[in-house]
Amino acid sequence: MPHLVRKKTGEIIYFDKPEFTLGRSEKADHMIGDNSDVSRIHATIIQKNGVNYILDNESTNHTYVDGTPLEPGKEVLLKNGAVVNMGNEEFVFRLRKED
């Protein structure tokens, strides 16, 4: 099952719906409440036909995949092992738990 691993804590975040939001707000599907660099609804993981994408939701501190800043509103493919940054918060994208 595709997921993100939060580097700071080792927390595993599984995506349980086709569009899964991450952010500081309680309204996000997964709340990252302990980092003010993360916007309220910072990014969305989109699953289509078994492929995973990430979308920056016009966040204040931007979203990066492998060091490249995302254009807000544009879906970017997530590959296994990709490093995702939301502001200064770092995650690693994994396709399977054992990866």
N, C-alpha and C. Protein backbone atom coordinates (compact mmCIF):
# COMPACT_ATOMS: atom_id res chain seq x y z
N MET A 1 0.85 -1.18 0.00
CA MET A 1 0.00 0.00 0.00
C MET A 1 0.89 1.24 0.00
N PRO A 2 0.69 2.18 -0.92
CA PRO A 2 1.51 3.39 -0.99
C PRO A 2 1.39 4.22 0.29
N HIS A 3 2.51 4.84 0.66
CA HIS A 3 2.51 5.65 1.87
C HIS A 3 3.69 6.62 1.89
N LEU A 4 3.64 7.56 2.80
CA LEU A 4 4.75 8.44 3.09
C LEU A 4 5.31 8.08 4.46
N VAL A 5 6.63 8.18 4.60
CA VAL A 5 7.27 8.00 5.89
C VAL A 5 7.81 9.37 6.31
N ARG A 6 7.34 9.84 7.44
CA ARG A 6 7.80 11.14 7.96
C ARG A 6 9.17 10.95 8.59
N LYS A 7 10.17 11.59 8.01
CA LYS A 7 11.57 11.38 8.44
C LYS A 7 11.78 11.74 9.91
N LYS A 8 11.19 12.84 10.36
CA LYS A 8 11.42 13.33 11.72
C LYS A 8 10.96 12.34 12.78
N THR A 9 9.85 11.64 12.52
CA THR A 9 9.26 10.79 13.54
C THR A 9 9.19 9.30 13.17
N GLY A 10 9.39 8.98 11.89
CA GLY A 10 9.23 7.60 11.43
C GLY A 10 7.78 7.21 11.21
N GLU A 11 6.87 8.14 11.42
CA GLU A 11 5.45 7.89 11.24
C GLU A 11 5.15 7.48 9.79
N ILE A 12 4.28 6.50 9.62
CA ILE A 12 3.87 6.03 8.29
C ILE A 12 2.46 6.56 8.02
N ILE A 13 2.30 7.20 6.87
CA ILE A 13 1.02 7.80 6.49
C ILE A 13 0.49 7.07 5.27
N TYR A 14 -0.53 6.24 5.47
CA TYR A 14 -1.15 5.49 4.37
C TYR A 14 -2.26 6.34 3.75
N PHE A 15 -2.44 6.22 2.45
CA PHE A 15 -3.48 6.94 1.72
C PHE A 15 -4.67 6.02 1.57
N ASP A 16 -5.80 6.39 2.17
CA ASP A 16 -6.94 5.49 2.19
C ASP A 16 -8.10 5.96 1.31
N LYS A 17 -7.82 6.91 0.41
CA LYS A 17 -8.84 7.36 -0.53
C LYS A 17 -8.15 7.96 -1.76
N PRO A 18 -8.86 8.11 -2.87
CA PRO A 18 -8.23 8.56 -4.13
C PRO A 18 -7.59 9.95 -4.06
N GLU A 19 -8.14 10.84 -3.25
CA GLU A 19 -7.53 12.16 -3.04
C GLU A 19 -7.37 12.35 -1.54
N PHE A 20 -6.11 12.41 -1.10
CA PHE A 20 -5.77 12.40 0.32
C PHE A 20 -4.97 13.67 0.63
N THR A 21 -5.51 14.51 1.53
CA THR A 21 -4.85 15.78 1.83
C THR A 21 -3.97 15.69 3.08
N LEU A 22 -2.90 16.50 3.04
CA LEU A 22 -1.97 16.60 4.16
C LEU A 22 -1.83 18.07 4.52
N GLY A 23 -1.81 18.36 5.81
CA GLY A 23 -1.65 19.74 6.22
C GLY A 23 -1.77 19.92 7.71
N ARG A 24 -1.66 21.16 8.14
CA ARG A 24 -1.69 21.50 9.57
C ARG A 24 -3.11 21.54 10.13
N SER A 25 -4.10 21.67 9.26
CA SER A 25 -5.49 21.79 9.69
C SER A 25 -6.08 20.44 10.10
N GLU A 26 -7.02 20.50 11.03
CA GLU A 26 -7.76 19.30 11.41
C GLU A 26 -8.65 18.83 10.26
N LYS A 27 -8.89 19.70 9.27
CA LYS A 27 -9.70 19.33 8.11
C LYS A 27 -8.93 18.50 7.09
N ALA A 28 -7.61 18.44 7.21
CA ALA A 28 -6.80 17.61 6.31
C ALA A 28 -7.05 16.13 6.65
N ASP A 29 -6.88 15.27 5.66
CA ASP A 29 -7.03 13.83 5.92
C ASP A 29 -5.95 13.33 6.89
N HIS A 30 -4.77 13.94 6.82
CA HIS A 30 -3.72 13.65 7.79
C HIS A 30 -3.16 14.97 8.30
N MET A 31 -3.25 15.17 9.60
CA MET A 31 -2.83 16.44 10.20
C MET A 31 -1.37 16.37 10.66
N ILE A 32 -0.60 17.36 10.24
CA ILE A 32 0.78 17.54 10.69
C ILE A 32 0.75 18.81 11.53
N GLY A 33 0.34 18.66 12.77
CA GLY A 33 0.02 19.80 13.61
C GLY A 33 1.18 20.43 14.34
N ASP A 34 2.35 19.81 14.27
CA ASP A 34 3.47 20.30 15.07
C ASP A 34 4.54 21.01 14.24
N ASN A 35 4.16 21.53 13.05
CA ASN A 35 5.14 22.21 12.21
C ASN A 35 4.45 23.39 11.51
N SER A 36 4.82 24.61 11.91
CA SER A 36 4.18 25.80 11.34
C SER A 36 4.61 26.08 9.90
N ASP A 37 5.63 25.38 9.38
CA ASP A 37 6.03 25.51 7.97
C ASP A 37 5.03 24.83 7.04
N VAL A 38 4.23 23.93 7.59
CA VAL A 38 3.23 23.20 6.80
C VAL A 38 1.95 24.03 6.76
N SER A 39 1.41 24.25 5.57
CA SER A 39 0.17 25.01 5.41
C SER A 39 -1.04 24.21 5.88
N ARG A 40 -2.18 24.88 6.01
CA ARG A 40 -3.38 24.21 6.53
C ARG A 40 -3.76 22.98 5.70
N ILE A 41 -3.87 23.16 4.39
CA ILE A 41 -4.08 22.02 3.48
C ILE A 41 -2.94 22.14 2.46
N HIS A 42 -1.79 21.63 2.81
CA HIS A 42 -0.54 21.88 2.09
C HIS A 42 -0.48 21.18 0.74
N ALA A 43 -0.79 19.88 0.72
CA ALA A 43 -0.65 19.10 -0.51
C ALA A 43 -1.71 18.01 -0.55
N THR A 44 -1.92 17.48 -1.77
CA THR A 44 -2.86 16.39 -1.97
C THR A 44 -2.15 15.26 -2.70
N ILE A 45 -2.33 14.04 -2.20
CA ILE A 45 -1.86 12.84 -2.91
C ILE A 45 -3.05 12.34 -3.71
N ILE A 46 -2.83 12.11 -4.99
CA ILE A 46 -3.89 11.65 -5.90
C ILE A 46 -3.51 10.29 -6.44
N GLN A 47 -4.43 9.33 -6.31
CA GLN A 47 -4.21 7.98 -6.84
C GLN A 47 -5.15 7.76 -8.02
N LYS A 48 -4.54 7.48 -9.20
CA LYS A 48 -5.32 7.22 -10.41
C LYS A 48 -4.76 5.99 -11.10
N ASN A 49 -5.61 4.99 -11.30
CA ASN A 49 -5.21 3.77 -12.02
C ASN A 49 -3.92 3.17 -11.48
N GLY A 50 -3.78 3.14 -10.16
CA GLY A 50 -2.62 2.54 -9.53
C GLY A 50 -1.36 3.39 -9.55
N VAL A 51 -1.48 4.63 -10.01
CA VAL A 51 -0.35 5.54 -10.07
C VAL A 51 -0.59 6.67 -9.08
N ASN A 52 0.49 7.13 -8.44
CA ASN A 52 0.39 8.15 -7.39
C ASN A 52 1.01 9.45 -7.84
N TYR A 53 0.29 10.54 -7.54
CA TYR A 53 0.74 11.88 -7.88
C TYR A 53 0.63 12.75 -6.64
N ILE A 54 1.37 13.85 -6.63
CA ILE A 54 1.24 14.84 -5.56
C ILE A 54 0.96 16.19 -6.20
N LEU A 55 0.18 16.99 -5.48
CA LEU A 55 -0.25 18.29 -5.95
C LEU A 55 -0.05 19.30 -4.83
N ASP A 56 0.63 20.41 -5.11
CA ASP A 56 0.78 21.47 -4.12
C ASP A 56 -0.48 22.35 -4.17
N ASN A 57 -1.05 22.63 -3.00
CA ASN A 57 -2.28 23.42 -2.91
C ASN A 57 -2.00 24.88 -2.61
N GLU A 58 -1.09 25.48 -3.41
CA GLU A 58 -0.73 26.89 -3.23
C GLU A 58 -0.25 27.15 -1.81
N SER A 59 0.58 26.25 -1.30
CA SER A 59 1.08 26.36 0.07
C SER A 59 2.05 27.54 0.20
N THR A 60 2.15 28.06 1.40
CA THR A 60 3.03 29.20 1.67
C THR A 60 4.50 28.82 1.48
N ASN A 61 4.90 27.68 2.00
CA ASN A 61 6.31 27.27 1.97
C ASN A 61 6.62 26.21 0.92
N HIS A 62 5.71 25.98 0.03
CA HIS A 62 5.91 25.15 -1.16
C HIS A 62 6.09 23.65 -0.85
N THR A 63 5.91 22.87 -1.90
CA THR A 63 6.12 21.42 -1.87
C THR A 63 7.20 21.11 -2.89
N TYR A 64 8.08 20.20 -2.52
CA TYR A 64 9.20 19.80 -3.38
C TYR A 64 9.21 18.29 -3.53
N VAL A 65 9.57 17.80 -4.72
CA VAL A 65 9.81 16.38 -4.93
C VAL A 65 11.24 16.25 -5.43
N ASP A 66 12.05 15.54 -4.67
CA ASP A 66 13.47 15.36 -4.97
C ASP A 66 14.16 16.70 -5.24
N GLY A 67 13.81 17.71 -4.43
CA GLY A 67 14.44 19.01 -4.51
C GLY A 67 13.85 19.97 -5.53
N THR A 68 12.92 19.51 -6.36
CA THR A 68 12.32 20.36 -7.38
C THR A 68 11.00 20.93 -6.87
N PRO A 69 10.85 22.26 -6.87
CA PRO A 69 9.60 22.84 -6.40
C PRO A 69 8.45 22.53 -7.35
N LEU A 70 7.28 22.25 -6.78
CA LEU A 70 6.10 21.95 -7.59
C LEU A 70 5.39 23.24 -7.96
N GLU A 71 4.85 23.24 -9.17
CA GLU A 71 4.00 24.34 -9.60
C GLU A 71 2.64 24.11 -8.96
N PRO A 72 2.11 25.08 -8.20
CA PRO A 72 0.82 24.88 -7.53
C PRO A 72 -0.26 24.44 -8.52
N GLY A 73 -1.03 23.44 -8.10
CA GLY A 73 -2.14 22.96 -8.91
C GLY A 73 -1.77 21.96 -9.98
N LYS A 74 -0.49 21.66 -10.15
CA LYS A 74 -0.05 20.72 -11.19
C LYS A 74 0.37 19.39 -10.56
N GLU A 75 -0.23 18.30 -11.03
CA GLU A 75 0.09 16.97 -10.50
C GLU A 75 1.48 16.54 -10.96
N VAL A 76 2.25 15.96 -10.02
CA VAL A 76 3.58 15.46 -10.31
C VAL A 76 3.64 13.99 -9.88
N LEU A 77 4.16 13.15 -10.75
CA LEU A 77 4.29 11.71 -10.49
C LEU A 77 5.18 11.46 -9.28
N LEU A 78 4.75 10.55 -8.41
CA LEU A 78 5.57 10.11 -7.28
C LEU A 78 6.16 8.75 -7.60
N LYS A 79 7.47 8.64 -7.57
CA LYS A 79 8.15 7.36 -7.79
C LYS A 79 8.63 6.82 -6.45
N ASN A 80 8.74 5.51 -6.36
CA ASN A 80 9.20 4.88 -5.12
C ASN A 80 10.55 5.48 -4.70
N GLY A 81 10.63 5.89 -3.44
CA GLY A 81 11.86 6.46 -2.90
C GLY A 81 11.97 7.97 -3.06
N ALA A 82 10.98 8.61 -3.70
CA ALA A 82 11.02 10.06 -3.87
C ALA A 82 11.00 10.75 -2.51
N VAL A 83 11.80 11.81 -2.40
CA VAL A 83 11.81 12.61 -1.18
C VAL A 83 10.87 13.80 -1.40
N VAL A 84 9.90 13.91 -0.51
CA VAL A 84 8.90 14.97 -0.59
C VAL A 84 9.12 15.92 0.59
N ASN A 85 9.22 17.21 0.29
CA ASN A 85 9.32 18.22 1.34
C ASN A 85 8.10 19.12 1.29
N MET A 86 7.49 19.31 2.44
CA MET A 86 6.43 20.29 2.60
C MET A 86 7.00 21.33 3.56
N GLY A 87 7.43 22.46 3.01
CA GLY A 87 8.18 23.40 3.82
C GLY A 87 9.46 22.72 4.25
N ASN A 88 9.74 22.71 5.55
CA ASN A 88 10.95 22.04 6.05
C ASN A 88 10.69 20.63 6.57
N GLU A 89 9.50 20.11 6.33
CA GLU A 89 9.14 18.75 6.78
C GLU A 89 9.44 17.76 5.65
N GLU A 90 10.21 16.73 5.95
CA GLU A 90 10.65 15.78 4.92
C GLU A 90 9.99 14.41 5.08
N PHE A 91 9.59 13.86 3.92
CA PHE A 91 8.94 12.55 3.84
C PHE A 91 9.61 11.75 2.73
N VAL A 92 9.48 10.42 2.81
CA VAL A 92 9.90 9.55 1.72
C VAL A 92 8.68 8.77 1.26
N PHE A 93 8.47 8.76 -0.06
CA PHE A 93 7.34 8.03 -0.64
C PHE A 93 7.74 6.58 -0.86
N ARG A 94 6.89 5.66 -0.43
CA ARG A 94 7.13 4.22 -0.61
C ARG A 94 5.89 3.58 -1.22
N LEU A 95 6.12 2.65 -2.14
CA LEU A 95 5.00 1.92 -2.76
C LEU A 95 4.52 0.78 -1.87
N ARG A 96 5.45 0.14 -1.17
CA ARG A 96 5.12 -1.00 -0.31
C ARG A 96 5.80 -0.82 1.04
N LYS A 97 5.24 -1.48 2.04
CA LYS A 97 5.77 -1.36 3.39
C LYS A 97 7.23 -1.80 3.49
N GLU A 98 7.61 -2.84 2.76
CA GLU A 98 8.96 -3.38 2.87
C GLU A 98 10.01 -2.57 2.10
N ASP A 99 9.60 -1.58 1.32
CA ASP A 99 10.56 -0.79 0.52
C ASP A 99 11.43 0.08 1.41
